[in-house]
Amino acid sequence: MLDVVAWIHTADRRMLAVRARGRDLLYLPGGKREAGEEDWAALSREVREELAVELDHGTFRELGVVHAPAHDQPEHTHVRMACFTAGFHGRIGPAGEIDECVYVGAGERDLLAPAARAAFDLAAAHDLVG
């Protein structure tokens, strides 16, 4: 089981997704916690490394947790992804191991890795995407 955190950011009812170097599908910004790291610290660090923006701690909210098969991992590996929303400061752009940032709509769900699809559905249940 991979235990990760993810940032759900939407604009114009589309969800931000990223393509990491060497990956075929899109993922959400975020990643694994370092030893002893809490959700806020892990997510703000990952988003800073991947998108070069600073999340706003005052607007940090848990949206929910999704479970899905892990993409590009050994068979039977699953992801537990805690999803959060937050405002941000700066200009979103690819950084670190991220090659591309895109906004995905309902008709483009097939571009997302399984856990990101589940997060898209969570965002839709909260009326953030359509």
N, C-alpha and C. Protein backbone atom coordinates (compact mmCIF):
# COMPACT_ATOMS: atom_id res chain seq x y z
N MET A 1 0.85 -1.18 0.00
CA MET A 1 0.00 0.00 0.00
C MET A 1 0.89 1.24 0.00
N LEU A 2 0.68 2.09 -0.99
CA LEU A 2 1.37 3.38 -1.05
C LEU A 2 0.46 4.41 -0.38
N ASP A 3 0.98 5.09 0.61
CA ASP A 3 0.21 6.11 1.34
C ASP A 3 0.72 7.48 0.92
N VAL A 4 -0.09 8.22 0.17
CA VAL A 4 0.36 9.48 -0.40
C VAL A 4 -0.65 10.61 -0.12
N VAL A 5 -0.18 11.83 -0.36
CA VAL A 5 -1.03 13.02 -0.26
C VAL A 5 -1.10 13.67 -1.63
N ALA A 6 -2.21 14.34 -1.92
CA ALA A 6 -2.39 14.97 -3.24
C ALA A 6 -3.13 16.28 -3.09
N TRP A 7 -2.79 17.21 -3.98
CA TRP A 7 -3.44 18.53 -4.03
C TRP A 7 -4.46 18.51 -5.16
N ILE A 8 -5.70 18.80 -4.82
CA ILE A 8 -6.74 18.97 -5.82
C ILE A 8 -6.93 20.46 -6.03
N HIS A 9 -6.54 20.90 -7.21
CA HIS A 9 -6.70 22.30 -7.60
C HIS A 9 -7.53 22.32 -8.88
N THR A 10 -8.57 23.14 -8.89
CA THR A 10 -9.43 23.22 -10.06
C THR A 10 -9.52 24.65 -10.57
N ALA A 11 -9.79 24.77 -11.84
CA ALA A 11 -10.05 26.06 -12.49
C ALA A 11 -11.02 25.78 -13.63
N ASP A 12 -12.02 26.60 -13.74
CA ASP A 12 -13.02 26.44 -14.81
C ASP A 12 -13.58 25.02 -14.86
N ARG A 13 -13.79 24.44 -13.67
CA ARG A 13 -14.38 23.11 -13.50
C ARG A 13 -13.53 21.99 -14.11
N ARG A 14 -12.21 22.25 -14.18
CA ARG A 14 -11.24 21.26 -14.64
C ARG A 14 -10.19 21.09 -13.53
N MET A 15 -9.62 19.90 -13.43
CA MET A 15 -8.68 19.59 -12.37
C MET A 15 -7.24 19.59 -12.88
N LEU A 16 -6.35 20.20 -12.12
CA LEU A 16 -4.94 20.22 -12.46
C LEU A 16 -4.34 18.83 -12.31
N ALA A 17 -3.59 18.40 -13.30
CA ALA A 17 -2.86 17.14 -13.25
C ALA A 17 -1.46 17.37 -13.82
N VAL A 18 -0.55 16.48 -13.46
CA VAL A 18 0.84 16.62 -13.89
C VAL A 18 1.32 15.31 -14.51
N ARG A 19 2.29 15.45 -15.40
CA ARG A 19 2.95 14.28 -15.98
C ARG A 19 4.39 14.28 -15.48
N ALA A 20 4.73 13.27 -14.71
CA ALA A 20 6.09 13.12 -14.24
C ALA A 20 6.96 12.54 -15.35
N ARG A 21 8.20 12.86 -15.32
CA ARG A 21 9.15 12.39 -16.33
C ARG A 21 9.07 10.87 -16.46
N GLY A 22 8.89 10.39 -17.68
CA GLY A 22 8.87 8.96 -17.95
C GLY A 22 7.53 8.28 -17.70
N ARG A 23 6.50 9.02 -17.35
CA ARG A 23 5.18 8.43 -17.07
C ARG A 23 4.26 8.60 -18.26
N ASP A 24 3.37 7.64 -18.47
CA ASP A 24 2.44 7.72 -19.59
C ASP A 24 1.10 8.35 -19.21
N LEU A 25 0.73 8.28 -17.92
CA LEU A 25 -0.53 8.85 -17.47
C LEU A 25 -0.29 10.06 -16.57
N LEU A 26 -1.35 10.81 -16.34
CA LEU A 26 -1.27 12.00 -15.50
C LEU A 26 -1.58 11.65 -14.04
N TYR A 27 -0.95 12.36 -13.15
CA TYR A 27 -1.11 12.19 -11.71
C TYR A 27 -1.51 13.52 -11.10
N LEU A 28 -1.86 13.50 -9.82
CA LEU A 28 -2.10 14.75 -9.11
C LEU A 28 -0.79 15.22 -8.48
N PRO A 29 -0.62 16.53 -8.33
CA PRO A 29 0.55 17.02 -7.60
C PRO A 29 0.51 16.46 -6.18
N GLY A 30 1.66 16.05 -5.69
CA GLY A 30 1.76 15.49 -4.35
C GLY A 30 2.72 14.33 -4.35
N GLY A 31 2.62 13.49 -3.32
CA GLY A 31 3.51 12.34 -3.26
C GLY A 31 3.57 11.73 -1.88
N LYS A 32 4.64 11.00 -1.64
CA LYS A 32 4.82 10.28 -0.39
C LYS A 32 5.33 11.22 0.70
N ARG A 33 4.93 10.90 1.93
CA ARG A 33 5.44 11.62 3.09
C ARG A 33 6.85 11.13 3.40
N GLU A 34 7.68 12.02 3.90
CA GLU A 34 8.97 11.61 4.45
C GLU A 34 8.72 11.15 5.88
N ALA A 35 9.66 10.42 6.45
CA ALA A 35 9.50 9.88 7.80
C ALA A 35 9.09 10.97 8.79
N GLY A 36 7.98 10.74 9.49
CA GLY A 36 7.51 11.66 10.50
C GLY A 36 6.81 12.91 9.98
N GLU A 37 6.64 13.02 8.67
CA GLU A 37 6.06 14.22 8.07
C GLU A 37 4.53 14.17 8.13
N GLU A 38 3.93 15.25 8.54
CA GLU A 38 2.47 15.36 8.57
C GLU A 38 1.96 15.77 7.19
N ASP A 39 0.62 15.64 7.01
CA ASP A 39 0.01 15.91 5.71
C ASP A 39 0.38 17.28 5.16
N TRP A 40 0.21 18.34 5.96
CA TRP A 40 0.49 19.69 5.48
C TRP A 40 1.94 19.82 5.02
N ALA A 41 2.88 19.37 5.84
CA ALA A 41 4.29 19.50 5.50
C ALA A 41 4.62 18.72 4.23
N ALA A 42 4.10 17.50 4.12
CA ALA A 42 4.39 16.67 2.94
C ALA A 42 3.81 17.30 1.68
N LEU A 43 2.55 17.71 1.75
CA LEU A 43 1.91 18.25 0.55
C LEU A 43 2.53 19.57 0.13
N SER A 44 2.77 20.46 1.07
CA SER A 44 3.34 21.75 0.69
C SER A 44 4.75 21.57 0.12
N ARG A 45 5.53 20.64 0.66
CA ARG A 45 6.87 20.36 0.12
C ARG A 45 6.78 19.79 -1.29
N GLU A 46 5.91 18.78 -1.48
CA GLU A 46 5.78 18.15 -2.80
C GLU A 46 5.30 19.14 -3.86
N VAL A 47 4.31 19.96 -3.53
CA VAL A 47 3.78 20.93 -4.50
C VAL A 47 4.85 21.98 -4.83
N ARG A 48 5.60 22.41 -3.84
CA ARG A 48 6.69 23.37 -4.08
C ARG A 48 7.72 22.75 -5.04
N GLU A 49 8.08 21.48 -4.81
CA GLU A 49 9.07 20.81 -5.66
C GLU A 49 8.56 20.57 -7.08
N GLU A 50 7.27 20.25 -7.21
CA GLU A 50 6.72 19.87 -8.52
C GLU A 50 6.21 21.03 -9.34
N LEU A 51 5.69 22.08 -8.67
CA LEU A 51 5.01 23.16 -9.40
C LEU A 51 5.56 24.56 -9.10
N ALA A 52 6.52 24.66 -8.17
CA ALA A 52 7.15 25.93 -7.82
C ALA A 52 6.16 26.97 -7.30
N VAL A 53 5.14 26.52 -6.55
CA VAL A 53 4.22 27.43 -5.89
C VAL A 53 4.15 27.09 -4.40
N GLU A 54 3.70 28.05 -3.61
CA GLU A 54 3.54 27.85 -2.17
C GLU A 54 2.06 27.72 -1.84
N LEU A 55 1.70 26.63 -1.19
CA LEU A 55 0.32 26.47 -0.74
C LEU A 55 0.05 27.39 0.44
N ASP A 56 -1.20 27.80 0.58
CA ASP A 56 -1.64 28.69 1.65
C ASP A 56 -2.17 27.84 2.80
N HIS A 57 -1.44 27.82 3.91
CA HIS A 57 -1.81 26.99 5.06
C HIS A 57 -3.20 27.32 5.59
N GLY A 58 -3.59 28.59 5.56
CA GLY A 58 -4.88 29.01 6.08
C GLY A 58 -6.08 28.46 5.32
N THR A 59 -5.87 28.03 4.08
CA THR A 59 -6.97 27.50 3.27
C THR A 59 -6.87 25.98 3.07
N PHE A 60 -5.91 25.35 3.72
CA PHE A 60 -5.65 23.91 3.59
C PHE A 60 -6.80 23.12 4.20
N ARG A 61 -7.48 22.29 3.38
CA ARG A 61 -8.63 21.49 3.83
C ARG A 61 -8.58 20.10 3.22
N GLU A 62 -8.93 19.09 4.03
CA GLU A 62 -9.02 17.73 3.50
C GLU A 62 -10.33 17.59 2.74
N LEU A 63 -10.25 17.05 1.54
CA LEU A 63 -11.43 16.81 0.71
C LEU A 63 -11.91 15.37 0.89
N GLY A 64 -10.99 14.45 1.11
CA GLY A 64 -11.34 13.05 1.31
C GLY A 64 -10.17 12.15 0.99
N VAL A 65 -10.40 10.86 1.12
CA VAL A 65 -9.37 9.85 0.85
C VAL A 65 -9.91 8.89 -0.20
N VAL A 66 -9.08 8.57 -1.19
CA VAL A 66 -9.46 7.61 -2.22
C VAL A 66 -8.49 6.44 -2.20
N HIS A 67 -8.96 5.30 -2.68
CA HIS A 67 -8.14 4.09 -2.81
C HIS A 67 -8.25 3.60 -4.25
N ALA A 68 -7.12 3.14 -4.80
CA ALA A 68 -7.13 2.67 -6.19
C ALA A 68 -5.90 1.80 -6.43
N PRO A 69 -5.94 0.99 -7.49
CA PRO A 69 -4.73 0.26 -7.88
C PRO A 69 -3.63 1.26 -8.25
N ALA A 70 -2.39 0.92 -7.91
CA ALA A 70 -1.26 1.80 -8.22
C ALA A 70 -0.82 1.58 -9.65
N HIS A 71 -0.65 2.65 -10.40
CA HIS A 71 -0.19 2.59 -11.78
C HIS A 71 1.34 2.50 -11.80
N ASP A 72 1.88 1.73 -12.73
CA ASP A 72 3.33 1.57 -12.89
C ASP A 72 4.02 1.03 -11.64
N GLN A 73 3.32 0.17 -10.90
CA GLN A 73 3.86 -0.46 -9.70
C GLN A 73 3.65 -1.96 -9.80
N PRO A 74 4.31 -2.74 -8.96
CA PRO A 74 4.09 -4.19 -9.00
C PRO A 74 2.61 -4.54 -8.84
N GLU A 75 2.21 -5.64 -9.48
CA GLU A 75 0.82 -6.09 -9.42
C GLU A 75 0.35 -6.20 -7.97
N HIS A 76 -0.89 -5.88 -7.74
CA HIS A 76 -1.54 -5.93 -6.43
C HIS A 76 -1.13 -4.78 -5.50
N THR A 77 -0.37 -3.79 -5.99
CA THR A 77 -0.04 -2.62 -5.18
C THR A 77 -1.19 -1.63 -5.29
N HIS A 78 -1.59 -1.07 -4.18
CA HIS A 78 -2.68 -0.09 -4.16
C HIS A 78 -2.19 1.23 -3.57
N VAL A 79 -2.96 2.27 -3.85
CA VAL A 79 -2.67 3.62 -3.35
C VAL A 79 -3.79 4.05 -2.41
N ARG A 80 -3.40 4.59 -1.29
CA ARG A 80 -4.31 5.32 -0.41
C ARG A 80 -3.89 6.78 -0.54
N MET A 81 -4.77 7.61 -1.12
CA MET A 81 -4.40 8.99 -1.41
C MET A 81 -5.32 9.94 -0.64
N ALA A 82 -4.74 10.67 0.29
CA ALA A 82 -5.46 11.71 1.03
C ALA A 82 -5.43 12.97 0.17
N CYS A 83 -6.60 13.48 -0.16
CA CYS A 83 -6.73 14.61 -1.09
C CYS A 83 -7.08 15.88 -0.34
N PHE A 84 -6.40 16.95 -0.68
CA PHE A 84 -6.58 18.23 -0.01
C PHE A 84 -6.76 19.34 -1.03
N THR A 85 -7.45 20.38 -0.63
CA THR A 85 -7.52 21.61 -1.40
C THR A 85 -6.76 22.68 -0.62
N ALA A 86 -6.32 23.69 -1.32
CA ALA A 86 -5.64 24.83 -0.69
C ALA A 86 -5.45 25.90 -1.75
N GLY A 87 -5.49 27.14 -1.32
CA GLY A 87 -5.10 28.23 -2.20
C GLY A 87 -3.58 28.19 -2.36
N PHE A 88 -3.06 29.03 -3.23
CA PHE A 88 -1.62 29.03 -3.45
C PHE A 88 -1.14 30.42 -3.83
N HIS A 89 0.18 30.60 -3.73
CA HIS A 89 0.85 31.83 -4.13
C HIS A 89 1.90 31.48 -5.17
N GLY A 90 1.95 32.24 -6.23
CA GLY A 90 2.92 32.00 -7.28
C GLY A 90 2.24 31.63 -8.58
N ARG A 91 3.04 31.21 -9.53
CA ARG A 91 2.56 30.84 -10.85
C ARG A 91 2.84 29.36 -11.08
N ILE A 92 1.81 28.58 -11.32
CA ILE A 92 1.95 27.14 -11.52
C ILE A 92 2.75 26.86 -12.79
N GLY A 93 3.73 26.00 -12.67
CA GLY A 93 4.52 25.56 -13.81
C GLY A 93 5.29 24.31 -13.44
N PRO A 94 5.65 23.51 -14.43
CA PRO A 94 6.39 22.28 -14.14
C PRO A 94 7.76 22.57 -13.55
N ALA A 95 8.14 21.80 -12.55
CA ALA A 95 9.45 21.91 -11.90
C ALA A 95 9.89 20.52 -11.46
N GLY A 96 11.13 20.39 -11.06
CA GLY A 96 11.62 19.09 -10.59
C GLY A 96 11.43 18.02 -11.64
N GLU A 97 10.78 16.90 -11.22
CA GLU A 97 10.59 15.77 -12.13
C GLU A 97 9.34 15.89 -12.98
N ILE A 98 8.66 17.03 -12.93
CA ILE A 98 7.42 17.23 -13.68
C ILE A 98 7.72 17.83 -15.05
N ASP A 99 7.20 17.19 -16.09
CA ASP A 99 7.40 17.68 -17.45
C ASP A 99 6.23 18.51 -17.98
N GLU A 100 5.03 18.30 -17.41
CA GLU A 100 3.84 18.93 -17.98
C GLU A 100 2.78 19.12 -16.90
N CYS A 101 2.07 20.24 -16.98
CA CYS A 101 0.90 20.52 -16.14
C CYS A 101 -0.27 20.77 -17.07
N VAL A 102 -1.40 20.12 -16.83
CA VAL A 102 -2.58 20.30 -17.66
C VAL A 102 -3.83 20.29 -16.79
N TYR A 103 -4.89 20.91 -17.28
CA TYR A 103 -6.18 20.87 -16.61
C TYR A 103 -7.04 19.86 -17.36
N VAL A 104 -7.63 18.93 -16.61
CA VAL A 104 -8.37 17.81 -17.17
C VAL A 104 -9.86 17.97 -16.87
N GLY A 105 -10.68 17.80 -17.89
CA GLY A 105 -12.13 17.83 -17.74
C GLY A 105 -12.71 16.43 -17.73
N ALA A 106 -14.01 16.35 -17.56
CA ALA A 106 -14.69 15.06 -17.45
C ALA A 106 -14.44 14.16 -18.66
N GLY A 107 -14.32 14.72 -19.84
CA GLY A 107 -14.11 13.93 -21.04
C GLY A 107 -12.68 13.43 -21.21
N GLU A 108 -11.80 13.79 -20.29
CA GLU A 108 -10.39 13.41 -20.40
C GLU A 108 -9.92 12.53 -19.24
N ARG A 109 -10.85 11.94 -18.51
CA ARG A 109 -10.51 11.11 -17.35
C ARG A 109 -9.58 9.96 -17.72
N ASP A 110 -9.65 9.48 -18.97
CA ASP A 110 -8.81 8.35 -19.37
C ASP A 110 -7.32 8.71 -19.43
N LEU A 111 -6.99 9.99 -19.36
CA LEU A 111 -5.60 10.43 -19.32
C LEU A 111 -4.99 10.29 -17.92
N LEU A 112 -5.84 10.04 -16.92
CA LEU A 112 -5.42 10.02 -15.51
C LEU A 112 -5.08 8.61 -15.05
N ALA A 113 -4.10 8.51 -14.16
CA ALA A 113 -3.80 7.26 -13.47
C ALA A 113 -5.01 6.89 -12.60
N PRO A 114 -5.16 5.62 -12.23
CA PRO A 114 -6.36 5.21 -11.48
C PRO A 114 -6.66 6.03 -10.22
N ALA A 115 -5.68 6.33 -9.40
CA ALA A 115 -5.94 7.10 -8.19
C ALA A 115 -6.36 8.53 -8.53
N ALA A 116 -5.78 9.10 -9.59
CA ALA A 116 -6.18 10.44 -10.02
C ALA A 116 -7.60 10.44 -10.56
N ARG A 117 -8.02 9.35 -11.22
CA ARG A 117 -9.42 9.23 -11.65
C ARG A 117 -10.35 9.22 -10.44
N ALA A 118 -9.97 8.46 -9.42
CA ALA A 118 -10.78 8.41 -8.20
C ALA A 118 -10.84 9.79 -7.54
N ALA A 119 -9.74 10.52 -7.56
CA ALA A 119 -9.73 11.88 -7.01
C ALA A 119 -10.59 12.82 -7.84
N PHE A 120 -10.59 12.63 -9.15
CA PHE A 120 -11.45 13.44 -10.01
C PHE A 120 -12.91 13.21 -9.62
N ASP A 121 -13.27 11.94 -9.39
CA ASP A 121 -14.65 11.63 -8.98
C ASP A 121 -14.97 12.24 -7.62
N LEU A 122 -14.00 12.25 -6.72
CA LEU A 122 -14.19 12.91 -5.41
C LEU A 122 -14.42 14.40 -5.60
N ALA A 123 -13.63 15.03 -6.47
CA ALA A 123 -13.81 16.45 -6.77
C ALA A 123 -15.18 16.71 -7.39
N ALA A 124 -15.62 15.80 -8.26
CA ALA A 124 -16.95 15.95 -8.88
C ALA A 124 -18.04 15.83 -7.82
N ALA A 125 -17.88 14.93 -6.86
CA ALA A 125 -18.88 14.77 -5.80
C ALA A 125 -18.99 16.02 -4.95
N HIS A 126 -17.92 16.83 -4.91
CA HIS A 126 -17.93 18.11 -4.19
C HIS A 126 -18.22 19.28 -5.13
N ASP A 127 -18.66 18.97 -6.36
CA ASP A 127 -19.04 19.97 -7.36
C ASP A 127 -17.89 20.92 -7.73
N LEU A 128 -16.66 20.39 -7.74
CA LEU A 128 -15.51 21.21 -8.11
C LEU A 128 -15.17 21.08 -9.59
N VAL A 129 -15.54 19.95 -10.19
CA VAL A 129 -15.29 19.71 -11.62
C VAL A 129 -16.58 19.25 -12.26
N GLY A 130 -16.62 19.33 -13.57
CA GLY A 130 -17.85 18.91 -14.25
C GLY A 130 -17.60 18.37 -15.62
